[in-house]
Amino acid sequence: MANILDRLDSAMFLGAKIWIAKLGEKVQDEEQQEVSNSFHPAAPSSYADPGAWTLLGGMNEAKVEHETDNKEIKRVLDDGRYHTQEIKLVKKSNIKFTTPDITPEAFRLTFGLDKDITDTNPQKAFAAGVQGIEVWACIDMTDGYRGENQIARVIVRGRLSLENPVEAKDDVATAQYDLSVIDNELNEFTAKKLIVEPLGD
């Protein structure tokens, strides 16, 4: 099998679309279920009708970071000898990304608001203890420069915050997000066109 990543360089996240579904949102087409730690809506199928999902925009840079911890495992081999092995355990995973699409969520996080923004409804700015937004995130990765064919989809539970507040330079604004991944049995990765089978003889 040939791996398409051999031909992609770092284009995997370039132009990837990221959607969020906030915990507590009602899902109209799922019998009014509520987005929760144990339920997320079906992945968005179109921009026109995203359901409970909100599009944060297209990524123009992104990276996945893992915080690890080294552990030693000791065991006795069949012949009676001791064997020690050091392994790395992932303690925490983060997806850090930048998007030029400034959404109400970016304003909410920049100004430390407790609740979603509603026009003409004042709320306390820079409220103490605001740590982020509890969400499900859906990331549709593409082959970037090569026509934006979808190659994989990731759906994970996470806590969305801003790595840096919204920044504007030369009339261009960007938001730098940090999605701290929360371990959940519903987290999933689905390849679309990631592994390419070789042609038969």
C-alpha atoms as a PDB file:
ATOM      1  CA  MET A   1       0.000   0.000   0.000  1.00  0.00           C
ATOM      2  CA  ALA A   2       1.140   3.514  -0.755  1.00  0.00           C
ATOM      3  CA  ASN A   3       0.598   6.171   1.865  1.00  0.00           C
ATOM      4  CA  ILE A   4      -0.707   9.443   0.446  1.00  0.00           C
ATOM      5  CA  LEU A   5       1.158  11.321   3.188  1.00  0.00           C
ATOM      6  CA  ASP A   6       4.384  10.492   1.368  1.00  0.00           C
ATOM      7  CA  ARG A   7       3.243  12.971  -1.275  1.00  0.00           C
ATOM      8  CA  LEU A   8       1.592  15.592   0.928  1.00  0.00           C
ATOM      9  CA  ASP A   9       4.471  17.200   2.797  1.00  0.00           C
ATOM     10  CA  SER A  10       2.804  19.371   5.466  1.00  0.00           C
ATOM     11  CA  ALA A  11      -0.320  20.201   3.449  1.00  0.00           C
ATOM     12  CA  MET A  12      -2.575  17.989   5.581  1.00  0.00           C
ATOM     13  CA  PHE A  13      -3.928  20.843   7.717  1.00  0.00           C
ATOM     14  CA  LEU A  14      -3.629  23.557   5.076  1.00  0.00           C
ATOM     15  CA  GLY A  15      -7.176  24.629   4.296  1.00  0.00           C
ATOM     16  CA  ALA A  16      -8.648  22.041   6.683  1.00  0.00           C
ATOM     17  CA  LYS A  17     -12.068  23.102   7.911  1.00  0.00           C
ATOM     18  CA  ILE A  18     -12.790  22.997  11.634  1.00  0.00           C
ATOM     19  CA  TRP A  19     -16.292  22.924  13.061  1.00  0.00           C
ATOM     20  CA  ILE A  20     -17.392  22.959  16.701  1.00  0.00           C
ATOM     21  CA  ALA A  21     -20.558  21.795  18.454  1.00  0.00           C
ATOM     22  CA  LYS A  22     -20.843  23.367  21.895  1.00  0.00           C
ATOM     23  CA  LEU A  23     -22.028  21.299  24.832  1.00  0.00           C
ATOM     24  CA  GLY A  24     -25.653  22.130  25.656  1.00  0.00           C
ATOM     25  CA  GLU A  25     -26.644  22.905  22.039  1.00  0.00           C
ATOM     26  CA  LYS A  26     -29.937  21.344  20.933  1.00  0.00           C
ATOM     27  CA  VAL A  27     -29.741  19.162  17.826  1.00  0.00           C
ATOM     28  CA  GLN A  28     -32.873  19.638  15.695  1.00  0.00           C
ATOM     29  CA  ASP A  29     -32.527  16.592  13.458  1.00  0.00           C
ATOM     30  CA  GLU A  30     -31.578  14.191  16.269  1.00  0.00           C
ATOM     31  CA  GLU A  31     -34.906  14.191  18.166  1.00  0.00           C
ATOM     32  CA  GLN A  32     -33.915  17.326  20.079  1.00  0.00           C
ATOM     33  CA  GLN A  33     -30.968  15.644  21.742  1.00  0.00           C
ATOM     34  CA  GLU A  34     -28.490  17.874  23.505  1.00  0.00           C
ATOM     35  CA  VAL A  35     -24.780  17.916  22.718  1.00  0.00           C
ATOM     36  CA  SER A  36     -23.051  16.392  25.725  1.00  0.00           C
ATOM     37  CA  ASN A  37     -19.989  14.463  26.824  1.00  0.00           C
ATOM     38  CA  SER A  38     -21.672  11.274  25.620  1.00  0.00           C
ATOM     39  CA  PHE A  39     -23.328  12.582  22.424  1.00  0.00           C
ATOM     40  CA  HIS A  40     -22.230  14.640  19.439  1.00  0.00           C
ATOM     41  CA  PRO A  41     -24.274  15.360  16.303  1.00  0.00           C
ATOM     42  CA  ALA A  42     -23.514  13.729  12.967  1.00  0.00           C
ATOM     43  CA  ALA A  43     -20.664  15.451  11.137  1.00  0.00           C
ATOM     44  CA  PRO A  44     -21.746  18.517   9.133  1.00  0.00           C
ATOM     45  CA  SER A  45     -22.713  17.648   5.577  1.00  0.00           C
ATOM     46  CA  SER A  46     -22.985  21.143   4.091  1.00  0.00           C
ATOM     47  CA  TYR A  47     -22.227  24.799   4.750  1.00  0.00           C
ATOM     48  CA  ALA A  48     -25.843  25.737   4.131  1.00  0.00           C
ATOM     49  CA  ASP A  49     -27.243  23.399   6.797  1.00  0.00           C
ATOM     50  CA  PRO A  50     -24.571  22.682   9.451  1.00  0.00           C
ATOM     51  CA  GLY A  51     -27.089  21.843  12.179  1.00  0.00           C
ATOM     52  CA  ALA A  52     -25.561  22.239  15.655  1.00  0.00           C
ATOM     53  CA  TRP A  53     -22.063  22.733  14.207  1.00  0.00           C
ATOM     54  CA  THR A  54     -20.404  26.160  13.890  1.00  0.00           C
ATOM     55  CA  LEU A  55     -17.652  26.673  11.314  1.00  0.00           C
ATOM     56  CA  LEU A  56     -14.564  28.299  12.848  1.00  0.00           C
ATOM     57  CA  GLY A  57     -12.967  28.586   9.416  1.00  0.00           C
ATOM     58  CA  GLY A  58     -10.139  27.155   7.408  1.00  0.00           C
ATOM     59  CA  MET A  59      -6.789  26.475   9.049  1.00  0.00           C
ATOM     60  CA  ASN A  60      -3.816  28.318   7.608  1.00  0.00           C
ATOM     61  CA  GLU A  61      -1.405  26.713  10.062  1.00  0.00           C
ATOM     62  CA  ALA A  62      -1.757  23.963  12.628  1.00  0.00           C
ATOM     63  CA  LYS A  63       0.208  21.477  14.691  1.00  0.00           C
ATOM     64  CA  VAL A  64      -0.548  18.620  17.042  1.00  0.00           C
ATOM     65  CA  GLU A  65       1.382  18.570  20.310  1.00  0.00           C
ATOM     66  CA  HIS A  66       1.636  15.707  22.800  1.00  0.00           C
ATOM     67  CA  GLU A  67       2.776  16.046  26.406  1.00  0.00           C
ATOM     68  CA  THR A  68       4.390  12.759  27.405  1.00  0.00           C
ATOM     69  CA  ASP A  69       5.677  11.080  30.516  1.00  0.00           C
ATOM     70  CA  ASN A  70       8.391   8.390  30.575  1.00  0.00           C
ATOM     71  CA  LYS A  71       7.653   5.199  32.498  1.00  0.00           C
ATOM     72  CA  GLU A  72       9.697   2.072  33.153  1.00  0.00           C
ATOM     73  CA  ILE A  73       8.109  -1.350  32.752  1.00  0.00           C
ATOM     74  CA  LYS A  74       9.853  -4.288  34.431  1.00  0.00           C
ATOM     75  CA  ARG A  75       9.034  -7.918  33.729  1.00  0.00           C
ATOM     76  CA  VAL A  76      10.525 -11.364  34.043  1.00  0.00           C
ATOM     77  CA  LEU A  77      11.295 -13.174  30.787  1.00  0.00           C
ATOM     78  CA  ASP A  78      10.551 -16.863  30.250  1.00  0.00           C
ATOM     79  CA  ASP A  79      14.216 -17.752  30.861  1.00  0.00           C
ATOM     80  CA  GLY A  80      14.182 -16.032  34.265  1.00  0.00           C
ATOM     81  CA  ARG A  81      16.011 -12.824  33.290  1.00  0.00           C
ATOM     82  CA  TYR A  82      14.688  -9.397  34.224  1.00  0.00           C
ATOM     83  CA  HIS A  83      13.809  -7.041  31.375  1.00  0.00           C
ATOM     84  CA  THR A  84      13.320  -3.285  31.746  1.00  0.00           C
ATOM     85  CA  GLN A  85      11.718  -1.187  29.052  1.00  0.00           C
ATOM     86  CA  GLU A  86      11.099   2.549  28.956  1.00  0.00           C
ATOM     87  CA  ILE A  87       7.932   3.752  27.258  1.00  0.00           C
ATOM     88  CA  LYS A  88       6.376   7.141  26.643  1.00  0.00           C
ATOM     89  CA  LEU A  89       2.808   7.671  27.798  1.00  0.00           C
ATOM     90  CA  VAL A  90       0.784  10.519  26.291  1.00  0.00           C
ATOM     91  CA  LYS A  91      -0.630  12.619  29.137  1.00  0.00           C
ATOM     92  CA  LYS A  92      -2.160  15.397  27.079  1.00  0.00           C
ATOM     93  CA  SER A  93      -2.785  16.221  23.419  1.00  0.00           C
ATOM     94  CA  ASN A  94      -3.401  19.666  21.951  1.00  0.00           C
ATOM     95  CA  ILE A  95      -4.235  20.878  18.471  1.00  0.00           C
ATOM     96  CA  LYS A  96      -3.003  24.427  18.005  1.00  0.00           C
ATOM     97  CA  PHE A  97      -4.221  26.204  14.902  1.00  0.00           C
ATOM     98  CA  THR A  98      -4.670  29.599  13.302  1.00  0.00           C
ATOM     99  CA  THR A  99      -7.591  30.769  11.199  1.00  0.00           C
ATOM    100  CA  PRO A 100      -8.259  34.140   9.537  1.00  0.00           C
ATOM    101  CA  ASP A 101     -12.013  33.696  10.058  1.00  0.00           C
ATOM    102  CA  ILE A 102     -12.952  35.706  13.150  1.00  0.00           C
ATOM    103  CA  THR A 103     -16.129  34.218  14.624  1.00  0.00           C
ATOM    104  CA  PRO A 104     -18.243  35.217  17.652  1.00  0.00           C
ATOM    105  CA  GLU A 105     -16.436  32.427  19.558  1.00  0.00           C
ATOM    106  CA  ALA A 106     -13.123  34.215  18.988  1.00  0.00           C
ATOM    107  CA  PHE A 107     -14.606  37.432  20.422  1.00  0.00           C
ATOM    108  CA  ARG A 108     -16.099  35.494  23.334  1.00  0.00           C
ATOM    109  CA  LEU A 109     -12.705  34.009  24.222  1.00  0.00           C
ATOM    110  CA  THR A 110     -10.795  37.255  23.619  1.00  0.00           C
ATOM    111  CA  PHE A 111     -13.022  39.218  25.992  1.00  0.00           C
ATOM    112  CA  GLY A 112     -13.463  36.406  28.558  1.00  0.00           C
ATOM    113  CA  LEU A 113     -17.248  36.089  28.310  1.00  0.00           C
ATOM    114  CA  ASP A 114     -19.118  33.406  30.256  1.00  0.00           C
ATOM    115  CA  LYS A 115     -21.890  32.924  27.692  1.00  0.00           C
ATOM    116  CA  ASP A 116     -22.458  32.977  23.956  1.00  0.00           C
ATOM    117  CA  ILE A 117     -22.720  36.445  22.445  1.00  0.00           C
ATOM    118  CA  THR A 118     -26.203  37.839  21.824  1.00  0.00           C
ATOM    119  CA  ASP A 119     -26.540  41.223  20.143  1.00  0.00           C
ATOM    120  CA  THR A 120     -27.665  44.072  22.469  1.00  0.00           C
ATOM    121  CA  ASN A 121     -27.372  41.771  25.511  1.00  0.00           C
ATOM    122  CA  PRO A 122     -24.584  43.032  27.812  1.00  0.00           C
ATOM    123  CA  GLN A 123     -22.530  40.650  29.922  1.00  0.00           C
ATOM    124  CA  LYS A 124     -19.473  41.009  32.100  1.00  0.00           C
ATOM    125  CA  ALA A 125     -16.227  41.319  30.148  1.00  0.00           C
ATOM    126  CA  PHE A 126     -13.068  39.510  31.304  1.00  0.00           C
ATOM    127  CA  ALA A 127     -14.984  37.397  33.809  1.00  0.00           C
ATOM    128  CA  ALA A 128     -12.694  35.600  36.239  1.00  0.00           C
ATOM    129  CA  GLY A 129     -12.392  31.857  35.790  1.00  0.00           C
ATOM    130  CA  VAL A 130     -13.381  31.630  32.123  1.00  0.00           C
ATOM    131  CA  GLN A 131     -11.245  28.726  30.904  1.00  0.00           C
ATOM    132  CA  GLY A 132     -12.613  28.139  27.424  1.00  0.00           C
ATOM    133  CA  ILE A 133     -15.535  26.566  25.615  1.00  0.00           C
ATOM    134  CA  GLU A 134     -16.476  22.899  26.043  1.00  0.00           C
ATOM    135  CA  VAL A 135     -16.968  21.490  22.548  1.00  0.00           C
ATOM    136  CA  TRP A 136     -16.878  18.645  20.107  1.00  0.00           C
ATOM    137  CA  ALA A 137     -14.575  19.519  17.216  1.00  0.00           C
ATOM    138  CA  CYS A 138     -14.804  18.123  13.701  1.00  0.00           C
ATOM    139  CA  ILE A 139     -11.755  18.655  11.477  1.00  0.00           C
ATOM    140  CA  ASP A 140     -12.009  17.859   7.774  1.00  0.00           C
ATOM    141  CA  MET A 141      -8.463  17.512   6.448  1.00  0.00           C
ATOM    142  CA  THR A 142      -7.734  17.901   2.756  1.00  0.00           C
ATOM    143  CA  ASP A 143      -4.842  17.442   0.392  1.00  0.00           C
ATOM    144  CA  GLY A 144      -4.347  21.210   0.427  1.00  0.00           C
ATOM    145  CA  TYR A 145      -2.613  22.389  -2.710  1.00  0.00           C
ATOM    146  CA  ARG A 146      -3.786  19.355  -4.665  1.00  0.00           C
ATOM    147  CA  GLY A 147      -7.425  20.204  -5.188  1.00  0.00           C
ATOM    148  CA  GLU A 148      -8.732  20.048  -1.614  1.00  0.00           C
ATOM    149  CA  ASN A 149      -9.940  16.460  -1.783  1.00  0.00           C
ATOM    150  CA  GLN A 150     -10.943  15.350   1.708  1.00  0.00           C
ATOM    151  CA  ILE A 151      -8.446  12.807   3.000  1.00  0.00           C
ATOM    152  CA  ALA A 152      -9.487  12.371   6.637  1.00  0.00           C
ATOM    153  CA  ARG A 153     -11.909  13.499   9.312  1.00  0.00           C
ATOM    154  CA  VAL A 154     -11.224  13.804  13.048  1.00  0.00           C
ATOM    155  CA  ILE A 155     -13.973  14.235  15.640  1.00  0.00           C
ATOM    156  CA  VAL A 156     -12.785  14.850  19.205  1.00  0.00           C
ATOM    157  CA  ARG A 157     -14.070  16.151  22.492  1.00  0.00           C
ATOM    158  CA  GLY A 158     -12.093  19.152  23.678  1.00  0.00           C
ATOM    159  CA  ARG A 159     -11.799  22.472  25.449  1.00  0.00           C
ATOM    160  CA  LEU A 160     -11.351  25.393  23.063  1.00  0.00           C
ATOM    161  CA  SER A 161      -9.357  28.422  24.152  1.00  0.00           C
ATOM    162  CA  LEU A 162      -7.208  31.056  22.506  1.00  0.00           C
ATOM    163  CA  GLU A 163      -3.463  30.559  22.368  1.00  0.00           C
ATOM    164  CA  ASN A 164      -3.283  34.320  21.702  1.00  0.00           C
ATOM    165  CA  PRO A 165      -6.176  36.781  21.571  1.00  0.00           C
ATOM    166  CA  VAL A 166      -7.317  37.982  18.153  1.00  0.00           C
ATOM    167  CA  GLU A 167      -4.462  39.858  16.514  1.00  0.00           C
ATOM    168  CA  ALA A 168      -4.709  42.312  13.617  1.00  0.00           C
ATOM    169  CA  LYS A 169      -1.788  43.273  11.383  1.00  0.00           C
ATOM    170  CA  ASP A 170      -1.987  45.175   8.105  1.00  0.00           C
ATOM    171  CA  ASP A 171      -5.784  44.846   7.953  1.00  0.00           C
ATOM    172  CA  VAL A 172      -5.581  41.074   8.394  1.00  0.00           C
ATOM    173  CA  ALA A 173      -6.881  39.531  11.620  1.00  0.00           C
ATOM    174  CA  THR A 174      -6.056  36.032  12.835  1.00  0.00           C
ATOM    175  CA  ALA A 175      -7.173  33.954  15.789  1.00  0.00           C
ATOM    176  CA  GLN A 176      -4.775  31.429  17.315  1.00  0.00           C
ATOM    177  CA  TYR A 177      -6.720  28.653  18.991  1.00  0.00           C
ATOM    178  CA  ASP A 178      -5.719  25.847  21.326  1.00  0.00           C
ATOM    179  CA  LEU A 179      -7.945  22.779  21.355  1.00  0.00           C
ATOM    180  CA  SER A 180      -7.086  20.659  24.385  1.00  0.00           C
ATOM    181  CA  VAL A 181      -8.262  17.137  23.541  1.00  0.00           C
ATOM    182  CA  ILE A 182     -10.274  15.325  26.203  1.00  0.00           C
ATOM    183  CA  ASP A 183     -10.142  11.530  26.194  1.00  0.00           C
ATOM    184  CA  ASN A 184     -13.550  10.219  25.174  1.00  0.00           C
ATOM    185  CA  GLU A 185     -14.711   6.885  23.758  1.00  0.00           C
ATOM    186  CA  LEU A 186     -16.497   8.760  20.939  1.00  0.00           C
ATOM    187  CA  ASN A 187     -13.293  10.393  19.684  1.00  0.00           C
ATOM    188  CA  GLU A 188     -12.675   9.086  16.188  1.00  0.00           C
ATOM    189  CA  PHE A 189     -10.409   9.341  13.150  1.00  0.00           C
ATOM    190  CA  THR A 190     -11.775   8.348   9.750  1.00  0.00           C
ATOM    191  CA  ALA A 191      -9.559   8.124   6.671  1.00  0.00           C
ATOM    192  CA  LYS A 192     -11.206   9.056   3.374  1.00  0.00           C
ATOM    193  CA  LYS A 193      -8.472   8.854   0.756  1.00  0.00           C
ATOM    194  CA  LEU A 194      -5.466   8.508   3.008  1.00  0.00           C
ATOM    195  CA  ILE A 195      -4.261   5.050   2.049  1.00  0.00           C
ATOM    196  CA  VAL A 196      -4.102   4.347  -1.659  1.00  0.00           C
ATOM    197  CA  GLU A 197      -4.205   0.755  -2.807  1.00  0.00           C
ATOM    198  CA  PRO A 198      -1.721  -0.074  -5.596  1.00  0.00           C
ATOM    199  CA  LEU A 199      -3.123  -0.850  -9.031  1.00  0.00           C
ATOM    200  CA  GLY A 200      -3.283  -4.544  -9.890  1.00  0.00           C
ATOM    201  CA  ASP A 201      -1.067  -6.063 -12.549  1.00  0.00           C
END
